[in-house]
Amino acid sequence: MATKTISIREDVYNILMSLKKENESFSDVIYKLTKKRKSNLRDYFGVLKDSKAILDIEEDIKKIRESARMRTI
């Protein structure tokens, strides 16, 4: 396998170093960070639970439902 020398900033090196496990190479760390993986919706479950956005959405739903009830009367 061929090797290449690359230049990276020291702060980036420190980040890679913190992610690197004992028996891993930097190539392993970079590969894990850059490989494409399928997104799993479960990864995002609950991310908005404490968000103001979810409260706004709930309020909008209530308004839409109320206006739909008024049109049917």
C-alpha atoms as a PDB file:
ATOM      1  CA  MET A   1       0.000   0.000   0.000  1.00  0.00           C
ATOM      2  CA  ALA A   2       1.293   3.441  -0.940  1.00  0.00           C
ATOM      3  CA  THR A   3       1.668   6.179   1.621  1.00  0.00           C
ATOM      4  CA  LYS A   4       1.266   9.924   1.203  1.00  0.00           C
ATOM      5  CA  THR A   5       2.487  12.770   3.342  1.00  0.00           C
ATOM      6  CA  ILE A   6      -0.064  15.486   4.076  1.00  0.00           C
ATOM      7  CA  SER A   7       0.106  18.725   6.024  1.00  0.00           C
ATOM      8  CA  ILE A   8      -2.541  19.536   8.589  1.00  0.00           C
ATOM      9  CA  ARG A   9      -2.868  22.262  11.174  1.00  0.00           C
ATOM     10  CA  GLU A  10      -1.864  21.420  14.714  1.00  0.00           C
ATOM     11  CA  ASP A  11      -5.425  21.887  16.011  1.00  0.00           C
ATOM     12  CA  VAL A  12      -6.695  19.358  13.460  1.00  0.00           C
ATOM     13  CA  TYR A  13      -3.912  16.964  14.450  1.00  0.00           C
ATOM     14  CA  ASN A  14      -4.989  17.273  18.086  1.00  0.00           C
ATOM     15  CA  ILE A  15      -8.598  16.498  17.173  1.00  0.00           C
ATOM     16  CA  LEU A  16      -7.532  13.415  15.198  1.00  0.00           C
ATOM     17  CA  MET A  17      -5.284  12.368  18.060  1.00  0.00           C
ATOM     18  CA  SER A  18      -8.184  12.600  20.523  1.00  0.00           C
ATOM     19  CA  LEU A  19     -10.345  10.422  18.259  1.00  0.00           C
ATOM     20  CA  LYS A  20      -7.630   7.838  17.669  1.00  0.00           C
ATOM     21  CA  LYS A  21      -7.877   4.655  19.687  1.00  0.00           C
ATOM     22  CA  GLU A  22      -4.809   2.821  20.940  1.00  0.00           C
ATOM     23  CA  ASN A  23      -4.520   0.321  18.099  1.00  0.00           C
ATOM     24  CA  GLU A  24      -5.684   2.643  15.303  1.00  0.00           C
ATOM     25  CA  SER A  25      -3.690   4.510  12.728  1.00  0.00           C
ATOM     26  CA  PHE A  26      -4.474   8.037  11.629  1.00  0.00           C
ATOM     27  CA  SER A  27      -5.582   6.518   8.326  1.00  0.00           C
ATOM     28  CA  ASP A  28      -8.163   4.452  10.224  1.00  0.00           C
ATOM     29  CA  VAL A  29      -9.488   7.561  11.984  1.00  0.00           C
ATOM     30  CA  ILE A  30      -9.696   9.601   8.779  1.00  0.00           C
ATOM     31  CA  TYR A  31     -11.391   6.719   6.975  1.00  0.00           C
ATOM     32  CA  LYS A  32     -14.033   6.384   9.699  1.00  0.00           C
ATOM     33  CA  LEU A  33     -14.713  10.123   9.578  1.00  0.00           C
ATOM     34  CA  THR A  34     -15.018  10.290   5.805  1.00  0.00           C
ATOM     35  CA  LYS A  35     -16.730   7.062   4.784  1.00  0.00           C
ATOM     36  CA  LYS A  36     -20.330   7.464   3.785  1.00  0.00           C
ATOM     37  CA  ARG A  37     -22.855   5.675   5.889  1.00  0.00           C
ATOM     38  CA  LYS A  38     -26.564   5.418   5.515  1.00  0.00           C
ATOM     39  CA  SER A  39     -28.421   7.738   7.828  1.00  0.00           C
ATOM     40  CA  ASN A  40     -30.650   6.074  10.322  1.00  0.00           C
ATOM     41  CA  LEU A  41     -33.730   8.025  11.361  1.00  0.00           C
ATOM     42  CA  ARG A  42     -33.298   6.663  14.873  1.00  0.00           C
ATOM     43  CA  ASP A  43     -30.144   8.766  15.157  1.00  0.00           C
ATOM     44  CA  TYR A  44     -32.353  11.862  15.102  1.00  0.00           C
ATOM     45  CA  PHE A  45     -35.138  10.656  17.374  1.00  0.00           C
ATOM     46  CA  GLY A  46     -35.804  13.175  20.128  1.00  0.00           C
ATOM     47  CA  VAL A  47     -33.394  15.882  18.974  1.00  0.00           C
ATOM     48  CA  LEU A  48     -36.141  18.522  19.026  1.00  0.00           C
ATOM     49  CA  LYS A  49     -37.755  17.509  22.312  1.00  0.00           C
ATOM     50  CA  ASP A  50     -36.436  20.571  24.180  1.00  0.00           C
ATOM     51  CA  SER A  51     -36.590  22.917  21.203  1.00  0.00           C
ATOM     52  CA  LYS A  52     -38.782  25.986  20.886  1.00  0.00           C
ATOM     53  CA  ALA A  53     -39.367  24.913  17.269  1.00  0.00           C
ATOM     54  CA  ILE A  54     -41.403  21.896  18.376  1.00  0.00           C
ATOM     55  CA  LEU A  55     -43.596  24.137  20.535  1.00  0.00           C
ATOM     56  CA  ASP A  56     -44.171  26.443  17.551  1.00  0.00           C
ATOM     57  CA  ILE A  57     -45.099  23.471  15.371  1.00  0.00           C
ATOM     58  CA  GLU A  58     -47.557  22.187  17.967  1.00  0.00           C
ATOM     59  CA  GLU A  59     -49.150  25.631  18.204  1.00  0.00           C
ATOM     60  CA  ASP A  60     -49.479  25.822  14.404  1.00  0.00           C
ATOM     61  CA  ILE A  61     -51.139  22.395  14.333  1.00  0.00           C
ATOM     62  CA  LYS A  62     -53.660  23.510  16.956  1.00  0.00           C
ATOM     63  CA  LYS A  63     -54.487  26.629  14.911  1.00  0.00           C
ATOM     64  CA  ILE A  64     -54.920  24.594  11.712  1.00  0.00           C
ATOM     65  CA  ARG A  65     -57.192  22.092  13.434  1.00  0.00           C
ATOM     66  CA  GLU A  66     -59.276  24.855  15.001  1.00  0.00           C
ATOM     67  CA  SER A  67     -59.702  26.655  11.678  1.00  0.00           C
ATOM     68  CA  ALA A  68     -60.729  23.361  10.040  1.00  0.00           C
ATOM     69  CA  ARG A  69     -63.398  22.852  12.741  1.00  0.00           C
ATOM     70  CA  MET A  70     -64.759  26.361  12.186  1.00  0.00           C
ATOM     71  CA  ARG A  71     -65.112  25.772   8.422  1.00  0.00           C
ATOM     72  CA  THR A  72     -67.198  22.641   8.963  1.00  0.00           C
ATOM     73  CA  ILE A  73     -69.709  24.407  11.197  1.00  0.00           C
END
